[in-house]
Amino acid sequence: MLNEVDIDRIIEMAWEDRTPFDAILIQFGLKEQEVIALMRRELKPSSWRKWRERVQGRTTKHLAKRTFTEGRHKCSRQRAISGNKVSKR
């Protein structure tokens, strides 16, 4: 049984573009259809519709359909940013 913290994390992961459903399956044991059911149950109807539009057909949500090898984007200025402060140029 999922607790409230787990449900919040699953919703967060489901909203992220680059987090595949496979990652949710590995971490929480929920298949794609179960994530969809959870999102439908937990989100407001308008948020659910927005999420479904966003996720439907999105290749980044499925590991087998991804065209990139890196899982995360890294900003070219990552080194210059420290402690949430952007260095002056």
Protein backbone atom coordinates (compact mmCIF):
# COMPACT_ATOMS: atom_id res chain seq x y z
CA MET A 1 0.00 0.00 0.00
CA LEU A 2 1.32 3.42 -0.93
CA ASN A 3 1.53 6.15 1.66
CA GLU A 4 0.91 9.85 1.01
CA VAL A 5 4.62 10.63 0.51
CA ASP A 6 4.94 7.86 -2.10
CA ILE A 7 1.84 9.06 -3.94
CA ASP A 8 3.21 12.62 -4.03
CA ARG A 9 6.53 11.36 -5.41
CA ILE A 10 4.82 9.25 -8.07
CA ILE A 11 2.75 12.24 -9.19
CA GLU A 12 5.90 14.37 -9.32
CA MET A 13 7.72 11.73 -11.37
CA ALA A 14 4.75 11.30 -13.71
CA TRP A 15 4.70 15.06 -14.44
CA GLU A 16 8.42 15.16 -15.25
CA ASP A 17 9.04 14.83 -18.98
CA ARG A 18 12.23 12.82 -18.76
CA THR A 19 11.18 10.38 -16.05
CA PRO A 20 9.99 7.21 -17.81
CA PHE A 21 7.18 5.01 -16.56
CA ASP A 22 9.81 2.28 -16.21
CA ALA A 23 11.49 4.28 -13.42
CA ILE A 24 8.19 4.43 -11.53
CA LEU A 25 7.77 0.69 -12.06
CA ILE A 26 11.24 -0.02 -10.65
CA GLN A 27 10.85 2.29 -7.64
CA PHE A 28 7.21 1.73 -6.72
CA GLY A 29 6.09 -1.38 -8.61
CA LEU A 30 3.35 0.45 -10.53
CA LYS A 31 2.83 -0.28 -14.22
CA GLU A 32 1.93 2.51 -16.65
CA GLN A 33 -1.80 1.75 -16.46
CA GLU A 34 -1.66 1.82 -12.65
CA VAL A 35 0.11 5.21 -12.75
CA ILE A 36 -2.60 6.50 -15.07
CA ALA A 37 -5.30 5.24 -12.68
CA LEU A 38 -3.50 6.84 -9.71
CA MET A 39 -3.21 10.17 -11.55
CA ARG A 40 -6.89 10.07 -12.49
CA ARG A 41 -7.83 9.36 -8.86
CA GLU A 42 -5.52 11.95 -7.25
CA LEU A 43 -5.62 14.92 -9.65
CA LYS A 44 -8.38 17.42 -10.27
CA PRO A 45 -10.21 16.71 -13.55
CA SER A 46 -8.61 19.70 -15.33
CA SER A 47 -5.12 18.72 -14.15
CA TRP A 48 -5.77 15.12 -15.23
CA ARG A 49 -6.73 16.25 -18.75
CA LYS A 50 -3.62 18.44 -19.03
CA TRP A 51 -1.39 15.61 -17.85
CA ARG A 52 -2.94 13.07 -20.25
CA GLU A 53 -2.52 15.46 -23.19
CA ARG A 54 1.08 16.05 -22.20
CA VAL A 55 2.00 12.39 -21.68
CA GLN A 56 0.11 10.75 -24.54
CA GLY A 57 2.58 9.84 -27.26
CA ARG A 58 5.54 11.40 -25.44
CA THR A 59 8.54 9.25 -26.31
CA THR A 60 10.54 10.36 -23.27
CA LYS A 61 8.09 8.57 -20.96
CA HIS A 62 9.05 5.19 -22.47
CA LEU A 63 12.64 3.94 -22.28
CA ALA A 64 12.33 1.89 -25.47
CA LYS A 65 11.22 4.94 -27.49
CA ARG A 66 13.80 7.43 -26.20
CA THR A 67 16.17 8.89 -28.79
CA PHE A 68 18.73 10.20 -26.31
CA THR A 69 21.17 8.34 -24.11
CA GLU A 70 21.60 10.88 -21.33
CA GLY A 71 18.82 10.92 -18.75
CA ARG A 72 19.17 14.52 -17.61
CA HIS A 73 19.94 17.87 -19.15
CA LYS A 74 22.96 19.63 -17.72
CA CYS A 75 23.22 23.36 -18.09
CA SER A 76 26.44 24.57 -19.73
CA ARG A 77 26.86 27.05 -16.84
CA GLN A 78 26.37 24.41 -14.14
CA ARG A 79 29.84 25.06 -12.70
CA ALA A 80 29.21 28.79 -12.40
CA ILE A 81 26.05 28.21 -10.34
CA SER A 82 26.62 27.43 -6.69
CA GLY A 83 24.27 27.59 -3.74
CA ASN A 84 21.39 28.79 -5.94
CA LYS A 85 23.35 31.90 -6.84
CA VAL A 86 24.24 32.65 -10.43
CA SER A 87 27.75 34.07 -10.78
CA LYS A 88 28.04 37.55 -12.20
CA ARG A 89 29.43 37.65 -15.69
